[in-house]
């Protein structure tokens, strides 16, 4: 069963899959293009616990944030939604999606873009959500030194060459 989302704002409307089917039927019957530009967004990923997608949309020099759904509710992937935009939004379309859990914490994110929006037509985007890294429970400086990792064991000299034999010792006063 497909989930249906409906929201709008700032010259952009978001609806569920049923809208797309009715729009296609109306276009075929009328024999003309739609008044608005439609973007069909498919969202996939191996992430659970999502209750809201925060969709940052930029097109035609304008940016809009849309919440799908408007009020948080469980979302199962894959899901999809359509965005209806004013015809004045042209050029590159970029969508960045942050998936939040019930505590409004980021659990996944993903992005996609279209180089040139086809104005007045249906455009399609697929966004794969990648799970966010869980926060370090001890913070960045919580290490005891036992788990330290050496990233680079050399020093760059004035000529831009690495000197792996350079003394890297640091004296720390008690």
C-alpha atoms as a PDB file:
ATOM      1  CA  UNK A   1       0.000   0.000   0.000  1.00  0.00           C
ATOM      2  CA  UNK A   2       1.361   3.424  -0.968  1.00  0.00           C
ATOM      3  CA  UNK A   3       1.446   6.249   1.515  1.00  0.00           C
ATOM      4  CA  UNK A   4      -0.169   9.489   0.393  1.00  0.00           C
ATOM      5  CA  UNK A   5       1.344  12.836   1.401  1.00  0.00           C
ATOM      6  CA  UNK A   6      -0.254  16.210   0.801  1.00  0.00           C
ATOM      7  CA  UNK A   7       1.301  19.571   1.701  1.00  0.00           C
ATOM      8  CA  UNK A   8       1.958  22.913   0.035  1.00  0.00           C
ATOM      9  CA  UNK A   9       3.769  26.200   0.421  1.00  0.00           C
ATOM     10  CA  UNK A  10       5.945  28.803  -1.335  1.00  0.00           C
ATOM     11  CA  UNK A  11       4.669  28.037  -4.833  1.00  0.00           C
ATOM     12  CA  UNK A  12       5.205  24.301  -4.375  1.00  0.00           C
ATOM     13  CA  UNK A  13       2.642  21.599  -3.638  1.00  0.00           C
ATOM     14  CA  UNK A  14       3.411  18.034  -2.573  1.00  0.00           C
ATOM     15  CA  UNK A  15       0.946  15.204  -3.059  1.00  0.00           C
ATOM     16  CA  UNK A  16       0.854  11.435  -3.086  1.00  0.00           C
ATOM     17  CA  UNK A  17       1.015   8.973  -5.950  1.00  0.00           C
ATOM     18  CA  UNK A  18      -2.715   9.177  -6.711  1.00  0.00           C
ATOM     19  CA  UNK A  19      -2.219  12.768  -7.885  1.00  0.00           C
ATOM     20  CA  UNK A  20       0.247  11.682 -10.511  1.00  0.00           C
ATOM     21  CA  UNK A  21      -2.196   9.198 -12.036  1.00  0.00           C
ATOM     22  CA  UNK A  22      -5.027  11.721 -12.128  1.00  0.00           C
ATOM     23  CA  UNK A  23      -2.696  14.365 -13.600  1.00  0.00           C
ATOM     24  CA  UNK A  24      -1.600  11.988 -16.365  1.00  0.00           C
ATOM     25  CA  UNK A  25      -5.218  11.105 -17.204  1.00  0.00           C
ATOM     26  CA  UNK A  26      -6.254  14.755 -17.278  1.00  0.00           C
ATOM     27  CA  UNK A  27      -3.296  15.626 -19.521  1.00  0.00           C
ATOM     28  CA  UNK A  28      -4.154  12.867 -21.986  1.00  0.00           C
ATOM     29  CA  UNK A  29      -7.813  13.903 -22.091  1.00  0.00           C
ATOM     30  CA  UNK A  30      -7.053  17.579 -22.478  1.00  0.00           C
ATOM     31  CA  UNK A  31      -4.281  17.025 -25.045  1.00  0.00           C
ATOM     32  CA  UNK A  32      -2.086  19.759 -23.583  1.00  0.00           C
ATOM     33  CA  UNK A  33       0.704  20.150 -21.036  1.00  0.00           C
ATOM     34  CA  UNK A  34       0.025  20.843 -17.383  1.00  0.00           C
ATOM     35  CA  UNK A  35      -0.023  24.348 -15.991  1.00  0.00           C
ATOM     36  CA  UNK A  36       2.606  23.394 -13.410  1.00  0.00           C
ATOM     37  CA  UNK A  37       5.869  21.467 -13.492  1.00  0.00           C
ATOM     38  CA  UNK A  38       5.578  18.103 -11.745  1.00  0.00           C
ATOM     39  CA  UNK A  39       8.474  16.272 -10.077  1.00  0.00           C
ATOM     40  CA  UNK A  40       7.895  12.629  -9.105  1.00  0.00           C
ATOM     41  CA  UNK A  41      10.303  11.739  -6.271  1.00  0.00           C
ATOM     42  CA  UNK A  42      11.035   8.095  -5.406  1.00  0.00           C
ATOM     43  CA  UNK A  43      12.732   7.582  -2.039  1.00  0.00           C
ATOM     44  CA  UNK A  44      14.523   4.337  -1.188  1.00  0.00           C
ATOM     45  CA  UNK A  45      17.035   3.056   1.333  1.00  0.00           C
ATOM     46  CA  UNK A  46      17.642   0.534   4.082  1.00  0.00           C
ATOM     47  CA  UNK A  47      16.582   2.776   6.957  1.00  0.00           C
ATOM     48  CA  UNK A  48      13.895   2.324   9.601  1.00  0.00           C
ATOM     49  CA  UNK A  49      12.326   4.638  12.147  1.00  0.00           C
ATOM     50  CA  UNK A  50      11.632   7.527   9.758  1.00  0.00           C
ATOM     51  CA  UNK A  51       8.681   9.744  10.650  1.00  0.00           C
ATOM     52  CA  UNK A  52       9.308  12.794   8.470  1.00  0.00           C
ATOM     53  CA  UNK A  53      11.250  13.785   5.364  1.00  0.00           C
ATOM     54  CA  UNK A  54      12.634  17.315   5.378  1.00  0.00           C
ATOM     55  CA  UNK A  55      12.896  18.092   1.659  1.00  0.00           C
ATOM     56  CA  UNK A  56      15.074  21.039   0.671  1.00  0.00           C
ATOM     57  CA  UNK A  57      14.252  21.950  -2.913  1.00  0.00           C
ATOM     58  CA  UNK A  58      16.093  24.496  -5.032  1.00  0.00           C
ATOM     59  CA  UNK A  59      15.173  25.411  -8.585  1.00  0.00           C
ATOM     60  CA  UNK A  60      15.169  28.565 -10.637  1.00  0.00           C
ATOM     61  CA  UNK A  61      17.182  30.447  -8.027  1.00  0.00           C
ATOM     62  CA  UNK A  62      14.538  29.793  -5.351  1.00  0.00           C
ATOM     63  CA  UNK A  63      14.776  27.474  -2.360  1.00  0.00           C
ATOM     64  CA  UNK A  64      11.921  25.882  -0.442  1.00  0.00           C
ATOM     65  CA  UNK A  65      11.739  23.450   2.465  1.00  0.00           C
ATOM     66  CA  UNK A  66       8.874  20.958   2.479  1.00  0.00           C
ATOM     67  CA  UNK A  67       7.942  18.542   5.269  1.00  0.00           C
ATOM     68  CA  UNK A  68       6.627  15.159   4.135  1.00  0.00           C
ATOM     69  CA  UNK A  69       4.281  14.487   5.804  1.00  0.00           C
ATOM     70  CA  UNK A  70       3.485  17.859   7.409  1.00  0.00           C
ATOM     71  CA  UNK A  71       2.903  16.195  10.781  1.00  0.00           C
ATOM     72  CA  UNK A  72       5.350  13.355  11.569  1.00  0.00           C
ATOM     73  CA  UNK A  73       3.995   9.843  10.971  1.00  0.00           C
ATOM     74  CA  UNK A  74       5.748   6.509  10.344  1.00  0.00           C
ATOM     75  CA  UNK A  75       7.249   6.219   6.850  1.00  0.00           C
ATOM     76  CA  UNK A  76       8.202   2.915   5.273  1.00  0.00           C
ATOM     77  CA  UNK A  77      10.722   2.851   2.449  1.00  0.00           C
ATOM     78  CA  UNK A  78      10.430   2.770  -0.459  1.00  0.00           C
ATOM     79  CA  UNK A  79       7.948   5.620  -0.730  1.00  0.00           C
ATOM     80  CA  UNK A  80       7.301   8.410  -3.201  1.00  0.00           C
ATOM     81  CA  UNK A  81       5.640  11.771  -3.549  1.00  0.00           C
ATOM     82  CA  UNK A  82       5.113  14.389  -6.221  1.00  0.00           C
ATOM     83  CA  UNK A  83       6.027  18.047  -6.126  1.00  0.00           C
ATOM     84  CA  UNK A  84       4.103  20.526  -8.227  1.00  0.00           C
ATOM     85  CA  UNK A  85       6.080  23.697  -8.983  1.00  0.00           C
ATOM     86  CA  UNK A  86       5.243  26.969 -10.641  1.00  0.00           C
ATOM     87  CA  UNK A  87       6.405  27.142 -14.272  1.00  0.00           C
ATOM     88  CA  UNK A  88       8.774  29.991 -13.392  1.00  0.00           C
ATOM     89  CA  UNK A  89      11.140  27.506 -11.702  1.00  0.00           C
ATOM     90  CA  UNK A  90      13.578  26.571 -14.450  1.00  0.00           C
ATOM     91  CA  UNK A  91      17.129  25.294 -14.764  1.00  0.00           C
ATOM     92  CA  UNK A  92      18.744  22.855 -12.367  1.00  0.00           C
ATOM     93  CA  UNK A  93      16.555  21.228  -9.739  1.00  0.00           C
ATOM     94  CA  UNK A  94      18.247  19.921  -6.591  1.00  0.00           C
ATOM     95  CA  UNK A  95      16.571  17.995  -3.808  1.00  0.00           C
ATOM     96  CA  UNK A  96      18.272  17.252  -0.484  1.00  0.00           C
ATOM     97  CA  UNK A  97      16.302  15.022   1.870  1.00  0.00           C
ATOM     98  CA  UNK A  98      16.937  14.626   5.592  1.00  0.00           C
ATOM     99  CA  UNK A  99      14.971  11.784   7.175  1.00  0.00           C
ATOM    100  CA  UNK A 100      14.106  12.372  10.830  1.00  0.00           C
ATOM    101  CA  UNK A 101      12.880  10.030  13.534  1.00  0.00           C
ATOM    102  CA  UNK A 102      10.113  10.666  16.075  1.00  0.00           C
ATOM    103  CA  UNK A 103      12.518  12.801  18.155  1.00  0.00           C
ATOM    104  CA  UNK A 104      13.283  14.974  15.086  1.00  0.00           C
ATOM    105  CA  UNK A 105      16.802  13.506  15.008  1.00  0.00           C
ATOM    106  CA  UNK A 106      18.506  12.866  11.667  1.00  0.00           C
ATOM    107  CA  UNK A 107      18.550   9.143  10.818  1.00  0.00           C
ATOM    108  CA  UNK A 108      19.393   9.310   7.098  1.00  0.00           C
ATOM    109  CA  UNK A 109      19.921  11.681   4.195  1.00  0.00           C
ATOM    110  CA  UNK A 110      20.246  11.719   0.430  1.00  0.00           C
ATOM    111  CA  UNK A 111      20.328  14.041  -2.578  1.00  0.00           C
ATOM    112  CA  UNK A 112      19.535  14.072  -6.263  1.00  0.00           C
ATOM    113  CA  UNK A 113      19.349  16.634  -9.044  1.00  0.00           C
ATOM    114  CA  UNK A 114      18.110  17.214 -12.559  1.00  0.00           C
ATOM    115  CA  UNK A 115      20.397  19.313 -14.764  1.00  0.00           C
ATOM    116  CA  UNK A 116      17.477  20.995 -16.542  1.00  0.00           C
ATOM    117  CA  UNK A 117      13.841  20.813 -15.408  1.00  0.00           C
ATOM    118  CA  UNK A 118      11.383  20.146 -18.212  1.00  0.00           C
ATOM    119  CA  UNK A 119       8.908  22.949 -17.506  1.00  0.00           C
ATOM    120  CA  UNK A 120       5.232  22.044 -17.556  1.00  0.00           C
ATOM    121  CA  UNK A 121       5.990  18.325 -17.727  1.00  0.00           C
ATOM    122  CA  UNK A 122       6.577  15.389 -15.378  1.00  0.00           C
ATOM    123  CA  UNK A 123      10.181  15.067 -14.180  1.00  0.00           C
ATOM    124  CA  UNK A 124      11.453  12.104 -12.168  1.00  0.00           C
ATOM    125  CA  UNK A 125      14.055  11.898  -9.409  1.00  0.00           C
ATOM    126  CA  UNK A 126      15.240   8.953  -7.321  1.00  0.00           C
ATOM    127  CA  UNK A 127      16.803   9.618  -3.929  1.00  0.00           C
ATOM    128  CA  UNK A 128      18.529   6.882  -1.948  1.00  0.00           C
ATOM    129  CA  UNK A 129      18.696   7.605   1.762  1.00  0.00           C
ATOM    130  CA  UNK A 130      21.916   6.602   3.503  1.00  0.00           C
ATOM    131  CA  UNK A 131      21.832   6.030   7.266  1.00  0.00           C
ATOM    132  CA  UNK A 132      23.438   8.795   9.312  1.00  0.00           C
ATOM    133  CA  UNK A 133      26.389   7.946  11.518  1.00  0.00           C
ATOM    134  CA  UNK A 134      25.292   7.636  15.136  1.00  0.00           C
ATOM    135  CA  UNK A 135      26.749  10.321  17.398  1.00  0.00           C
ATOM    136  CA  UNK A 136      29.854   9.391  19.405  1.00  0.00           C
ATOM    137  CA  UNK A 137      28.470   8.742  22.914  1.00  0.00           C
ATOM    138  CA  UNK A 138      31.646  10.114  24.523  1.00  0.00           C
ATOM    139  CA  UNK A 139      32.157  13.060  22.211  1.00  0.00           C
ATOM    140  CA  UNK A 140      35.134  13.806  19.998  1.00  0.00           C
ATOM    141  CA  UNK A 141      37.632  14.170  22.874  1.00  0.00           C
ATOM    142  CA  UNK A 142      36.422  11.261  24.997  1.00  0.00           C
ATOM    143  CA  UNK A 143      39.165   8.833  23.913  1.00  0.00           C
ATOM    144  CA  UNK A 144      41.657   7.486  26.467  1.00  0.00           C
ATOM    145  CA  UNK A 145      44.478   7.190  23.979  1.00  0.00           C
ATOM    146  CA  UNK A 146      44.114   3.393  23.781  1.00  0.00           C
ATOM    147  CA  UNK A 147      42.053   3.732  20.601  1.00  0.00           C
ATOM    148  CA  UNK A 148      44.183   6.400  18.896  1.00  0.00           C
ATOM    149  CA  UNK A 149      44.796   6.063  15.166  1.00  0.00           C
ATOM    150  CA  UNK A 150      47.792   7.548  13.350  1.00  0.00           C
ATOM    151  CA  UNK A 151      46.514   9.158  10.171  1.00  0.00           C
ATOM    152  CA  UNK A 152      49.821  10.542   8.895  1.00  0.00           C
ATOM    153  CA  UNK A 153      53.202   9.744  10.350  1.00  0.00           C
ATOM    154  CA  UNK A 154      55.208  12.316   8.439  1.00  0.00           C
ATOM    155  CA  UNK A 155      55.867  16.025   8.354  1.00  0.00           C
ATOM    156  CA  UNK A 156      55.774  18.058   5.160  1.00  0.00           C
ATOM    157  CA  UNK A 157      58.964  20.057   4.671  1.00  0.00           C
ATOM    158  CA  UNK A 158      59.286  23.464   3.008  1.00  0.00           C
ATOM    159  CA  UNK A 159      59.610  21.844  -0.435  1.00  0.00           C
ATOM    160  CA  UNK A 160      56.263  20.061   0.027  1.00  0.00           C
ATOM    161  CA  UNK A 161      57.912  16.645   0.441  1.00  0.00           C
ATOM    162  CA  UNK A 162      56.922  14.219   3.197  1.00  0.00           C
ATOM    163  CA  UNK A 163      59.628  13.407   5.745  1.00  0.00           C
ATOM    164  CA  UNK A 164      58.562  10.117   7.384  1.00  0.00           C
ATOM    165  CA  UNK A 165      61.653  10.175   9.652  1.00  0.00           C
ATOM    166  CA  UNK A 166      60.799  13.527  11.233  1.00  0.00           C
ATOM    167  CA  UNK A 167      60.491  13.659  15.026  1.00  0.00           C
ATOM    168  CA  UNK A 168      56.787  13.857  15.868  1.00  0.00           C
ATOM    169  CA  UNK A 169      57.166  13.714  19.641  1.00  0.00           C
ATOM    170  CA  UNK A 170      55.312  16.250  21.728  1.00  0.00           C
ATOM    171  CA  UNK A 171      56.296  17.101  25.296  1.00  0.00           C
ATOM    172  CA  UNK A 172      53.363  17.652  27.602  1.00  0.00           C
ATOM    173  CA  UNK A 173      54.142  19.308  30.919  1.00  0.00           C
ATOM    174  CA  UNK A 174      52.549  17.634  33.970  1.00  0.00           C
END
